[in-house]
Amino acid sequence: ANDLGMEIALDFAIQCSPDHPYVKEHPDWFKWRPDGTVQYAENPP
């Protein structure tokens, strides 16, 4: 891309799937619900 005069823009999304290593390595980086599951993203509905 650079050789053609273009630069790379990468998406930086601060979110994780439930399988992301952070979920096990840093559980305190996420919100946990009373039933023991992690709070997933919501934008009702």
ModelCIF file with pLDDT and N, C-alpha, C, O atoms, coordinates in Angstrom:
data_MODEL
#
_entry.id   MODEL 
#
_entity.id                         1 
_entity.type                       polymer 
_entity.pdbx_number_of_molecules   1 
#
_entity_poly.entity_id                      1 
_entity_poly.type                           'polypeptide(L)' 
_entity_poly.nstd_linkage                   no 
_entity_poly.nstd_monomer                   no 
_entity_poly.pdbx_seq_one_letter_code       ANDLGMEIALDFAIQCSPDHPYVKEHPDWFKWRPDGTVQYAENPP 
_entity_poly.pdbx_seq_one_letter_code_can   ANDLGMEIALDFAIQCSPDHPYVKEHPDWFKWRPDGTVQYAENPP 
_entity_poly.pdbx_strand_id                 A 
#
loop_
_entity_poly_seq.entity_id 
_entity_poly_seq.num 
_entity_poly_seq.mon_id 
_entity_poly_seq.hetero 
1 1  ALA n 
1 2  ASN n 
1 3  ASP n 
1 4  LEU n 
1 5  GLY n 
1 6  MET n 
1 7  GLU n 
1 8  ILE n 
1 9  ALA n 
1 10 LEU n 
1 11 ASP n 
1 12 PHE n 
1 13 ALA n 
1 14 ILE n 
1 15 GLN n 
1 16 CYS n 
1 17 SER n 
1 18 PRO n 
1 19 ASP n 
1 20 HIS n 
1 21 PRO n 
1 22 TYR n 
1 23 VAL n 
1 24 LYS n 
1 25 GLU n 
1 26 HIS n 
1 27 PRO n 
1 28 ASP n 
1 29 TRP n 
1 30 PHE n 
1 31 LYS n 
1 32 TRP n 
1 33 ARG n 
1 34 PRO n 
1 35 ASP n 
1 36 GLY n 
1 37 THR n 
1 38 VAL n 
1 39 GLN n 
1 40 TYR n 
1 41 ALA n 
1 42 GLU n 
1 43 ASN n 
1 44 PRO n 
1 45 PRO n 
#
_struct_asym.id          A 
_struct_asym.entity_id   1 
#
loop_
_ma_qa_metric.id 
_ma_qa_metric.mode 
_ma_qa_metric.name 
_ma_qa_metric.software_group_id 
_ma_qa_metric.type 
1 global pLDDT . pLDDT 
2 local  pLDDT . pLDDT 
#
_ma_qa_metric_global.metric_id      1 
_ma_qa_metric_global.metric_value   92.93 
_ma_qa_metric_global.model_id       1 
_ma_qa_metric_global.ordinal_id     1 
#
loop_
_ma_qa_metric_local.label_asym_id 
_ma_qa_metric_local.label_comp_id 
_ma_qa_metric_local.label_seq_id 
_ma_qa_metric_local.metric_id 
_ma_qa_metric_local.metric_value 
_ma_qa_metric_local.model_id 
_ma_qa_metric_local.ordinal_id 
A ALA 1  2 98.00 1 1  
A ASN 2  2 98.00 1 2  
A ASP 3  2 98.00 1 3  
A LEU 4  2 98.00 1 4  
A GLY 5  2 98.00 1 5  
A MET 6  2 98.00 1 6  
A GLU 7  2 98.00 1 7  
A ILE 8  2 98.00 1 8  
A ALA 9  2 98.00 1 9  
A LEU 10 2 98.00 1 10 
A ASP 11 2 98.00 1 11 
A PHE 12 2 98.00 1 12 
A ALA 13 2 98.00 1 13 
A ILE 14 2 98.00 1 14 
A GLN 15 2 97.00 1 15 
A CYS 16 2 97.00 1 16 
A SER 17 2 97.00 1 17 
A PRO 18 2 96.00 1 18 
A ASP 19 2 97.00 1 19 
A HIS 20 2 98.00 1 20 
A PRO 21 2 98.00 1 21 
A TYR 22 2 98.00 1 22 
A VAL 23 2 97.00 1 23 
A LYS 24 2 96.00 1 24 
A GLU 25 2 97.00 1 25 
A HIS 26 2 98.00 1 26 
A PRO 27 2 97.00 1 27 
A ASP 28 2 97.00 1 28 
A TRP 29 2 98.00 1 29 
A PHE 30 2 96.00 1 30 
A LYS 31 2 93.00 1 31 
A TRP 32 2 92.00 1 32 
A ARG 33 2 91.00 1 33 
A PRO 34 2 92.00 1 34 
A ASP 35 2 90.00 1 35 
A GLY 36 2 86.00 1 36 
A THR 37 2 86.00 1 37 
A VAL 38 2 86.00 1 38 
A GLN 39 2 83.00 1 39 
A TYR 40 2 85.00 1 40 
A ALA 41 2 80.00 1 41 
A GLU 42 2 74.00 1 42 
A ASN 43 2 72.00 1 43 
A PRO 44 2 73.00 1 44 
A PRO 45 2 73.00 1 45 
#
loop_
_atom_site.group_PDB 
_atom_site.id 
_atom_site.type_symbol 
_atom_site.label_atom_id 
_atom_site.label_alt_id 
_atom_site.label_comp_id 
_atom_site.label_asym_id 
_atom_site.label_entity_id 
_atom_site.label_seq_id 
_atom_site.pdbx_PDB_ins_code 
_atom_site.Cartn_x 
_atom_site.Cartn_y 
_atom_site.Cartn_z 
_atom_site.occupancy 
_atom_site.B_iso_or_equiv 
_atom_site.pdbx_formal_charge 
_atom_site.auth_seq_id 
_atom_site.auth_comp_id 
_atom_site.auth_asym_id 
_atom_site.auth_atom_id 
_atom_site.pdbx_PDB_model_num 
ATOM 1   N N  . ALA A 1 1  ? 0.835   -1.204  0.000  1.00 98.00 ? 1  ALA A N  1 
ATOM 2   C CA . ALA A 1 1  ? 0.000   0.000   0.000  1.00 98.00 ? 1  ALA A CA 1 
ATOM 3   C C  . ALA A 1 1  ? 0.869   1.252   0.000  1.00 98.00 ? 1  ALA A C  1 
ATOM 4   O O  . ALA A 1 1  ? 0.619   2.187   -0.761 1.00 98.00 ? 1  ALA A O  1 
ATOM 5   N N  . ASN A 1 2  ? 1.888   1.268   0.854  1.00 98.00 ? 2  ASN A N  1 
ATOM 6   C CA . ASN A 1 2  ? 2.786   2.427   0.921  1.00 98.00 ? 2  ASN A CA 1 
ATOM 7   C C  . ASN A 1 2  ? 3.472   2.681   -0.415 1.00 98.00 ? 2  ASN A C  1 
ATOM 8   O O  . ASN A 1 2  ? 3.640   3.831   -0.822 1.00 98.00 ? 2  ASN A O  1 
ATOM 9   N N  . ASP A 1 3  ? 3.866   1.613   -1.093 1.00 98.00 ? 3  ASP A N  1 
ATOM 10  C CA . ASP A 1 3  ? 4.535   1.753   -2.390 1.00 98.00 ? 3  ASP A CA 1 
ATOM 11  C C  . ASP A 1 3  ? 3.616   2.395   -3.425 1.00 98.00 ? 3  ASP A C  1 
ATOM 12  O O  . ASP A 1 3  ? 4.085   2.991   -4.395 1.00 98.00 ? 3  ASP A O  1 
ATOM 13  N N  . LEU A 1 4  ? 2.309   2.270   -3.217 1.00 98.00 ? 4  LEU A N  1 
ATOM 14  C CA . LEU A 1 4  ? 1.325   2.861   -4.122 1.00 98.00 ? 4  LEU A CA 1 
ATOM 15  C C  . LEU A 1 4  ? 0.837   4.226   -3.639 1.00 98.00 ? 4  LEU A C  1 
ATOM 16  O O  . LEU A 1 4  ? -0.103  4.793   -4.195 1.00 98.00 ? 4  LEU A O  1 
ATOM 17  N N  . GLY A 1 5  ? 1.491   4.747   -2.592 1.00 98.00 ? 5  GLY A N  1 
ATOM 18  C CA . GLY A 1 5  ? 1.133   6.070   -2.088 1.00 98.00 ? 5  GLY A CA 1 
ATOM 19  C C  . GLY A 1 5  ? -0.051  6.079   -1.142 1.00 98.00 ? 5  GLY A C  1 
ATOM 20  O O  . GLY A 1 5  ? -0.694  7.113   -0.962 1.00 98.00 ? 5  GLY A O  1 
ATOM 21  N N  . MET A 1 6  ? -0.349  4.930   -0.529 1.00 98.00 ? 6  MET A N  1 
ATOM 22  C CA . MET A 1 6  ? -1.485  4.837   0.387  1.00 98.00 ? 6  MET A CA 1 
ATOM 23  C C  . MET A 1 6  ? -1.010  4.420   1.775  1.00 98.00 ? 6  MET A C  1 
ATOM 24  O O  . MET A 1 6  ? -0.030  3.688   1.915  1.00 98.00 ? 6  MET A O  1 
ATOM 25  N N  . GLU A 1 7  ? -1.718  4.895   2.797  1.00 98.00 ? 7  GLU A N  1 
ATOM 26  C CA . GLU A 1 7  ? -1.431  4.529   4.180  1.00 98.00 ? 7  GLU A CA 1 
ATOM 27  C C  . GLU A 1 7  ? -2.532  3.608   4.709  1.00 98.00 ? 7  GLU A C  1 
ATOM 28  O O  . GLU A 1 7  ? -3.655  3.599   4.203  1.00 98.00 ? 7  GLU A O  1 
ATOM 29  N N  . ILE A 1 8  ? -2.186  2.846   5.725  1.00 98.00 ? 8  ILE A N  1 
ATOM 30  C CA . ILE A 1 8  ? -3.144  1.906   6.309  1.00 98.00 ? 8  ILE A CA 1 
ATOM 31  C C  . ILE A 1 8  ? -3.753  2.511   7.572  1.00 98.00 ? 8  ILE A C  1 
ATOM 32  O O  . ILE A 1 8  ? -3.048  2.951   8.480  1.00 98.00 ? 8  ILE A O  1 
ATOM 33  N N  . ALA A 1 9  ? -5.080  2.518   7.597  1.00 98.00 ? 9  ALA A N  1 
ATOM 34  C CA . ALA A 1 9  ? -5.834  2.884   8.802  1.00 98.00 ? 9  ALA A CA 1 
ATOM 35  C C  . ALA A 1 9  ? -6.443  1.609   9.365  1.00 98.00 ? 9  ALA A C  1 
ATOM 36  O O  . ALA A 1 9  ? -7.130  0.874   8.655  1.00 98.00 ? 9  ALA A O  1 
ATOM 37  N N  . LEU A 1 10 ? -6.195  1.354   10.617 1.00 98.00 ? 10 LEU A N  1 
ATOM 38  C CA . LEU A 1 10 ? -6.693  0.143   11.264 1.00 98.00 ? 10 LEU A CA 1 
ATOM 39  C C  . LEU A 1 10 ? -7.806  0.502   12.230 1.00 98.00 ? 10 LEU A C  1 
ATOM 40  O O  . LEU A 1 10 ? -7.761  1.540   12.890 1.00 98.00 ? 10 LEU A O  1 
ATOM 41  N N  . ASP A 1 11 ? -8.797  -0.359  12.304 1.00 98.00 ? 11 ASP A N  1 
ATOM 42  C CA . ASP A 1 11 ? -9.883  -0.148  13.258 1.00 98.00 ? 11 ASP A CA 1 
ATOM 43  C C  . ASP A 1 11 ? -9.387  -0.438  14.664 1.00 98.00 ? 11 ASP A C  1 
ATOM 44  O O  . ASP A 1 11 ? -8.773  -1.475  14.914 1.00 98.00 ? 11 ASP A O  1 
ATOM 45  N N  . PHE A 1 12 ? -9.654  0.476   15.573 1.00 98.00 ? 12 PHE A N  1 
ATOM 46  C CA . PHE A 1 12 ? -9.319  0.277   16.988 1.00 98.00 ? 12 PHE A CA 1 
ATOM 47  C C  . PHE A 1 12 ? -10.625 0.251   17.759 1.00 98.00 ? 12 PHE A C  1 
ATOM 48  O O  . PHE A 1 12 ? -11.207 1.291   18.065 1.00 98.00 ? 12 PHE A O  1 
ATOM 49  N N  . ALA A 1 13 ? -11.076 -0.963  18.069 1.00 98.00 ? 13 ALA A N  1 
ATOM 50  C CA . ALA A 1 13 ? -12.346 -1.153  18.760 1.00 98.00 ? 13 ALA A CA 1 
ATOM 51  C C  . ALA A 1 13 ? -12.062 -1.722  20.142 1.00 98.00 ? 13 ALA A C  1 
ATOM 52  O O  . ALA A 1 13 ? -11.571 -2.844  20.267 1.00 98.00 ? 13 ALA A O  1 
ATOM 53  N N  . ILE A 1 14 ? -12.367 -0.954  21.172 1.00 98.00 ? 14 ILE A N  1 
ATOM 54  C CA . ILE A 1 14 ? -12.099 -1.399  22.547 1.00 98.00 ? 14 ILE A CA 1 
ATOM 55  C C  . ILE A 1 14 ? -13.298 -2.201  23.032 1.00 98.00 ? 14 ILE A C  1 
ATOM 56  O O  . ILE A 1 14 ? -14.173 -1.698  23.737 1.00 98.00 ? 14 ILE A O  1 
ATOM 57  N N  . GLN A 1 15 ? -13.305 -3.453  22.632 1.00 97.00 ? 15 GLN A N  1 
ATOM 58  C CA . GLN A 1 15 ? -14.349 -4.396  23.041 1.00 97.00 ? 15 GLN A CA 1 
ATOM 59  C C  . GLN A 1 15 ? -13.821 -5.786  22.772 1.00 97.00 ? 15 GLN A C  1 
ATOM 60  O O  . GLN A 1 15 ? -12.862 -5.954  22.018 1.00 97.00 ? 15 GLN A O  1 
ATOM 61  N N  . CYS A 1 16 ? -14.432 -6.778  23.377 1.00 97.00 ? 16 CYS A N  1 
ATOM 62  C CA . CYS A 1 16 ? -13.908 -8.136  23.305 1.00 97.00 ? 16 CYS A CA 1 
ATOM 63  C C  . CYS A 1 16 ? -15.040 -9.135  23.118 1.00 97.00 ? 16 CYS A C  1 
ATOM 64  O O  . CYS A 1 16 ? -16.157 -8.932  23.596 1.00 97.00 ? 16 CYS A O  1 
ATOM 65  N N  . SER A 1 17 ? -14.733 -10.208 22.422 1.00 97.00 ? 17 SER A N  1 
ATOM 66  C CA . SER A 1 17 ? -15.667 -11.325 22.417 1.00 97.00 ? 17 SER A CA 1 
ATOM 67  C C  . SER A 1 17 ? -15.545 -12.036 23.772 1.00 97.00 ? 17 SER A C  1 
ATOM 68  O O  . SER A 1 17 ? -14.565 -11.827 24.488 1.00 97.00 ? 17 SER A O  1 
ATOM 69  N N  . PRO A 1 18 ? -16.524 -12.868 24.131 1.00 96.00 ? 18 PRO A N  1 
ATOM 70  C CA . PRO A 1 18 ? -16.394 -13.618 25.394 1.00 96.00 ? 18 PRO A CA 1 
ATOM 71  C C  . PRO A 1 18 ? -15.173 -14.528 25.422 1.00 96.00 ? 18 PRO A C  1 
ATOM 72  O O  . PRO A 1 18 ? -14.762 -14.983 26.490 1.00 96.00 ? 18 PRO A O  1 
ATOM 73  N N  . ASP A 1 19 ? -14.583 -14.799 24.235 1.00 97.00 ? 19 ASP A N  1 
ATOM 74  C CA . ASP A 1 19 ? -13.444 -15.712 24.153 1.00 97.00 ? 19 ASP A CA 1 
ATOM 75  C C  . ASP A 1 19 ? -12.103 -14.983 24.161 1.00 97.00 ? 19 ASP A C  1 
ATOM 76  O O  . ASP A 1 19 ? -11.052 -15.617 24.069 1.00 97.00 ? 19 ASP A O  1 
ATOM 77  N N  . HIS A 1 20 ? -12.133 -13.659 24.270 1.00 98.00 ? 20 HIS A N  1 
ATOM 78  C CA . HIS A 1 20 ? -10.896 -12.868 24.261 1.00 98.00 ? 20 HIS A CA 1 
ATOM 79  C C  . HIS A 1 20 ? -10.041 -13.241 25.468 1.00 98.00 ? 20 HIS A C  1 
ATOM 80  O O  . HIS A 1 20 ? -10.578 -13.422 26.562 1.00 98.00 ? 20 HIS A O  1 
ATOM 81  N N  . PRO A 1 21 ? -8.712  -13.362 25.295 1.00 98.00 ? 21 PRO A N  1 
ATOM 82  C CA . PRO A 1 21 ? -7.843  -13.692 26.437 1.00 98.00 ? 21 PRO A CA 1 
ATOM 83  C C  . PRO A 1 21 ? -8.007  -12.755 27.621 1.00 98.00 ? 21 PRO A C  1 
ATOM 84  O O  . PRO A 1 21 ? -7.820  -13.173 28.764 1.00 98.00 ? 21 PRO A O  1 
ATOM 85  N N  . TYR A 1 22 ? -8.356  -11.485 27.373 1.00 98.00 ? 22 TYR A N  1 
ATOM 86  C CA . TYR A 1 22 ? -8.521  -10.546 28.480 1.00 98.00 ? 22 TYR A CA 1 
ATOM 87  C C  . TYR A 1 22 ? -9.595  -10.999 29.468 1.00 98.00 ? 22 TYR A C  1 
ATOM 88  O O  . TYR A 1 22 ? -9.493  -10.719 30.663 1.00 98.00 ? 22 TYR A O  1 
ATOM 89  N N  . VAL A 1 23 ? -10.603 -11.682 28.988 1.00 97.00 ? 23 VAL A N  1 
ATOM 90  C CA . VAL A 1 23 ? -11.726 -12.053 29.860 1.00 97.00 ? 23 VAL A CA 1 
ATOM 91  C C  . VAL A 1 23 ? -11.254 -12.979 30.970 1.00 97.00 ? 23 VAL A C  1 
ATOM 92  O O  . VAL A 1 23 ? -11.723 -12.883 32.104 1.00 97.00 ? 23 VAL A O  1 
ATOM 93  N N  . LYS A 1 24 ? -10.323 -13.877 30.646 1.00 96.00 ? 24 LYS A N  1 
ATOM 94  C CA . LYS A 1 24 ? -9.788  -14.782 31.670 1.00 96.00 ? 24 LYS A CA 1 
ATOM 95  C C  . LYS A 1 24 ? -8.618  -14.159 32.420 1.00 96.00 ? 24 LYS A C  1 
ATOM 96  O O  . LYS A 1 24 ? -8.484  -14.326 33.632 1.00 96.00 ? 24 LYS A O  1 
ATOM 97  N N  . GLU A 1 25 ? -7.778  -13.444 31.691 1.00 97.00 ? 25 GLU A N  1 
ATOM 98  C CA . GLU A 1 25 ? -6.572  -12.890 32.311 1.00 97.00 ? 25 GLU A CA 1 
ATOM 99  C C  . GLU A 1 25 ? -6.863  -11.673 33.180 1.00 97.00 ? 25 GLU A C  1 
ATOM 100 O O  . GLU A 1 25 ? -6.179  -11.448 34.178 1.00 97.00 ? 25 GLU A O  1 
ATOM 101 N N  . HIS A 1 26 ? -7.874  -10.884 32.810 1.00 98.00 ? 26 HIS A N  1 
ATOM 102 C CA . HIS A 1 26 ? -8.203  -9.653  33.535 1.00 98.00 ? 26 HIS A CA 1 
ATOM 103 C C  . HIS A 1 26 ? -9.721  -9.567  33.733 1.00 98.00 ? 26 HIS A C  1 
ATOM 104 O O  . HIS A 1 26 ? -10.359 -8.678  33.171 1.00 98.00 ? 26 HIS A O  1 
ATOM 105 N N  . PRO A 1 27 ? -10.295 -10.455 34.503 1.00 97.00 ? 27 PRO A N  1 
ATOM 106 C CA . PRO A 1 27 ? -11.762 -10.445 34.665 1.00 97.00 ? 27 PRO A CA 1 
ATOM 107 C C  . PRO A 1 27 ? -12.287 -9.142  35.250 1.00 97.00 ? 27 PRO A C  1 
ATOM 108 O O  . PRO A 1 27 ? -13.444 -8.781  35.036 1.00 97.00 ? 27 PRO A O  1 
ATOM 109 N N  . ASP A 1 28 ? -11.416 -8.422  36.004 1.00 97.00 ? 28 ASP A N  1 
ATOM 110 C CA . ASP A 1 28 ? -11.871 -7.167  36.609 1.00 97.00 ? 28 ASP A CA 1 
ATOM 111 C C  . ASP A 1 28 ? -11.950 -6.029  35.599 1.00 97.00 ? 28 ASP A C  1 
ATOM 112 O O  . ASP A 1 28 ? -12.340 -4.916  35.954 1.00 97.00 ? 28 ASP A O  1 
ATOM 113 N N  . TRP A 1 29 ? -11.585 -6.290  34.345 1.00 98.00 ? 29 TRP A N  1 
ATOM 114 C CA . TRP A 1 29 ? -11.743 -5.289  33.299 1.00 98.00 ? 29 TRP A CA 1 
ATOM 115 C C  . TRP A 1 29 ? -13.136 -5.330  32.673 1.00 98.00 ? 29 TRP A C  1 
ATOM 116 O O  . TRP A 1 29 ? -13.416 -4.596  31.725 1.00 98.00 ? 29 TRP A O  1 
ATOM 117 N N  . PHE A 1 30 ? -14.000 -6.181  33.198 1.00 96.00 ? 30 PHE A N  1 
ATOM 118 C CA . PHE A 1 30 ? -15.347 -6.339  32.647 1.00 96.00 ? 30 PHE A CA 1 
ATOM 119 C C  . PHE A 1 30 ? -16.370 -6.297  33.773 1.00 96.00 ? 30 PHE A C  1 
ATOM 120 O O  . PHE A 1 30 ? -16.035 -6.492  34.942 1.00 96.00 ? 30 PHE A O  1 
ATOM 121 N N  . LYS A 1 31 ? -17.608 -6.043  33.409 1.00 93.00 ? 31 LYS A N  1 
ATOM 122 C CA . LYS A 1 31 ? -18.691 -6.035  34.379 1.00 93.00 ? 31 LYS A CA 1 
ATOM 123 C C  . LYS A 1 31 ? -19.340 -7.415  34.430 1.00 93.00 ? 31 LYS A C  1 
ATOM 124 O O  . LYS A 1 31 ? -19.675 -8.006  33.404 1.00 93.00 ? 31 LYS A O  1 
ATOM 125 N N  . TRP A 1 32 ? -19.505 -7.909  35.657 1.00 92.00 ? 32 TRP A N  1 
ATOM 126 C CA . TRP A 1 32 ? -20.098 -9.230  35.849 1.00 92.00 ? 32 TRP A CA 1 
ATOM 127 C C  . TRP A 1 32 ? -21.482 -9.082  36.480 1.00 92.00 ? 32 TRP A C  1 
ATOM 128 O O  . TRP A 1 32 ? -21.678 -8.316  37.424 1.00 92.00 ? 32 TRP A O  1 
ATOM 129 N N  . ARG A 1 33 ? -22.413 -9.820  35.943 1.00 91.00 ? 33 ARG A N  1 
ATOM 130 C CA . ARG A 1 33 ? -23.789 -9.751  36.432 1.00 91.00 ? 33 ARG A CA 1 
ATOM 131 C C  . ARG A 1 33 ? -23.990 -10.728 37.591 1.00 91.00 ? 33 ARG A C  1 
ATOM 132 O O  . ARG A 1 33 ? -23.159 -11.611 37.803 1.00 91.00 ? 33 ARG A O  1 
ATOM 133 N N  . PRO A 1 34 ? -25.082 -10.578 38.341 1.00 92.00 ? 34 PRO A N  1 
ATOM 134 C CA . PRO A 1 34 ? -25.310 -11.449 39.504 1.00 92.00 ? 34 PRO A CA 1 
ATOM 135 C C  . PRO A 1 34 ? -25.346 -12.930 39.182 1.00 92.00 ? 34 PRO A C  1 
ATOM 136 O O  . PRO A 1 34 ? -25.077 -13.758 40.053 1.00 92.00 ? 34 PRO A O  1 
ATOM 137 N N  . ASP A 1 35 ? -25.678 -13.284 37.923 1.00 90.00 ? 35 ASP A N  1 
ATOM 138 C CA . ASP A 1 35 ? -25.743 -14.707 37.576 1.00 90.00 ? 35 ASP A CA 1 
ATOM 139 C C  . ASP A 1 35 ? -24.401 -15.264 37.144 1.00 90.00 ? 35 ASP A C  1 
ATOM 140 O O  . ASP A 1 35 ? -24.321 -16.408 36.697 1.00 90.00 ? 35 ASP A O  1 
ATOM 141 N N  . GLY A 1 36 ? -23.329 -14.459 37.273 1.00 86.00 ? 36 GLY A N  1 
ATOM 142 C CA . GLY A 1 36 ? -21.998 -14.940 36.946 1.00 86.00 ? 36 GLY A CA 1 
ATOM 143 C C  . GLY A 1 36 ? -21.596 -14.768 35.504 1.00 86.00 ? 36 GLY A C  1 
ATOM 144 O O  . GLY A 1 36 ? -20.497 -15.170 35.119 1.00 86.00 ? 36 GLY A O  1 
ATOM 145 N N  . THR A 1 37 ? -22.459 -14.180 34.693 1.00 86.00 ? 37 THR A N  1 
ATOM 146 C CA . THR A 1 37 ? -22.120 -13.935 33.296 1.00 86.00 ? 37 THR A CA 1 
ATOM 147 C C  . THR A 1 37 ? -21.599 -12.513 33.135 1.00 86.00 ? 37 THR A C  1 
ATOM 148 O O  . THR A 1 37 ? -21.818 -11.648 33.983 1.00 86.00 ? 37 THR A O  1 
ATOM 149 N N  . VAL A 1 38 ? -20.907 -12.299 32.026 1.00 86.00 ? 38 VAL A N  1 
ATOM 150 C CA . VAL A 1 38 ? -20.352 -10.978 31.752 1.00 86.00 ? 38 VAL A CA 1 
ATOM 151 C C  . VAL A 1 38 ? -21.394 -10.133 31.037 1.00 86.00 ? 38 VAL A C  1 
ATOM 152 O O  . VAL A 1 38 ? -22.126 -10.625 30.179 1.00 86.00 ? 38 VAL A O  1 
ATOM 153 N N  . GLN A 1 39 ? -21.454 -8.860  31.399 1.00 83.00 ? 39 GLN A N  1 
ATOM 154 C CA . GLN A 1 39 ? -22.395 -7.947  30.754 1.00 83.00 ? 39 GLN A CA 1 
ATOM 155 C C  . GLN A 1 39 ? -21.957 -7.684  29.315 1.00 83.00 ? 39 GLN A C  1 
ATOM 156 O O  . GLN A 1 39 ? -20.883 -7.130  29.082 1.00 83.00 ? 39 GLN A O  1 
ATOM 157 N N  . TYR A 1 40 ? -22.781 -8.078  28.357 1.00 85.00 ? 40 TYR A N  1 
ATOM 158 C CA . TYR A 1 40 ? -22.463 -7.809  26.957 1.00 85.00 ? 40 TYR A CA 1 
ATOM 159 C C  . TYR A 1 40 ? -22.987 -6.444  26.555 1.00 85.00 ? 40 TYR A C  1 
ATOM 160 O O  . TYR A 1 40 ? -23.708 -5.787  27.307 1.00 85.00 ? 40 TYR A O  1 
ATOM 161 N N  . ALA A 1 41 ? -22.611 -6.032  25.355 1.00 80.00 ? 41 ALA A N  1 
ATOM 162 C CA . ALA A 1 41 ? -22.978 -4.700  24.880 1.00 80.00 ? 41 ALA A CA 1 
ATOM 163 C C  . ALA A 1 41 ? -24.446 -4.645  24.509 1.00 80.00 ? 41 ALA A C  1 
ATOM 164 O O  . ALA A 1 41 ? -24.993 -5.599  23.956 1.00 80.00 ? 41 ALA A O  1 
ATOM 165 N N  . GLU A 1 42 ? -25.076 -3.530  24.814 1.00 74.00 ? 42 GLU A N  1 
ATOM 166 C CA . GLU A 1 42 ? -26.483 -3.341  24.486 1.00 74.00 ? 42 GLU A CA 1 
ATOM 167 C C  . GLU A 1 42 ? -26.711 -1.925  23.967 1.00 74.00 ? 42 GLU A C  1 
ATOM 168 O O  . GLU A 1 42 ? -26.056 -0.971  24.389 1.00 74.00 ? 42 GLU A O  1 
ATOM 169 N N  . ASN A 1 43 ? -27.639 -1.822  23.059 1.00 72.00 ? 43 ASN A N  1 
ATOM 170 C CA . ASN A 1 43 ? -28.126 -0.536  22.574 1.00 72.00 ? 43 ASN A CA 1 
ATOM 171 C C  . ASN A 1 43 ? -29.605 -0.746  22.265 1.00 72.00 ? 43 ASN A C  1 
ATOM 172 O O  . ASN A 1 43 ? -30.010 -0.799  21.103 1.00 72.00 ? 43 ASN A O  1 
ATOM 173 N N  . PRO A 1 44 ? -30.420 -0.868  23.348 1.00 73.00 ? 44 PRO A N  1 
ATOM 174 C CA . PRO A 1 44 ? -31.813 -1.299  23.196 1.00 73.00 ? 44 PRO A CA 1 
ATOM 175 C C  . PRO A 1 44 ? -32.498 -0.625  22.022 1.00 73.00 ? 44 PRO A C  1 
ATOM 176 O O  . PRO A 1 44 ? -32.374 0.586   21.842 1.00 73.00 ? 44 PRO A O  1 
ATOM 177 N N  . PRO A 1 45 ? -33.229 -1.406  21.210 1.00 73.00 ? 45 PRO A N  1 
ATOM 178 C CA . PRO A 1 45 ? -33.557 -2.821  21.423 1.00 73.00 ? 45 PRO A CA 1 
ATOM 179 C C  . PRO A 1 45 ? -32.493 -3.786  20.928 1.00 73.00 ? 45 PRO A C  1 
ATOM 180 O O  . PRO A 1 45 ? -32.656 -5.000  21.051 1.00 73.00 ? 45 PRO A O  1 
#
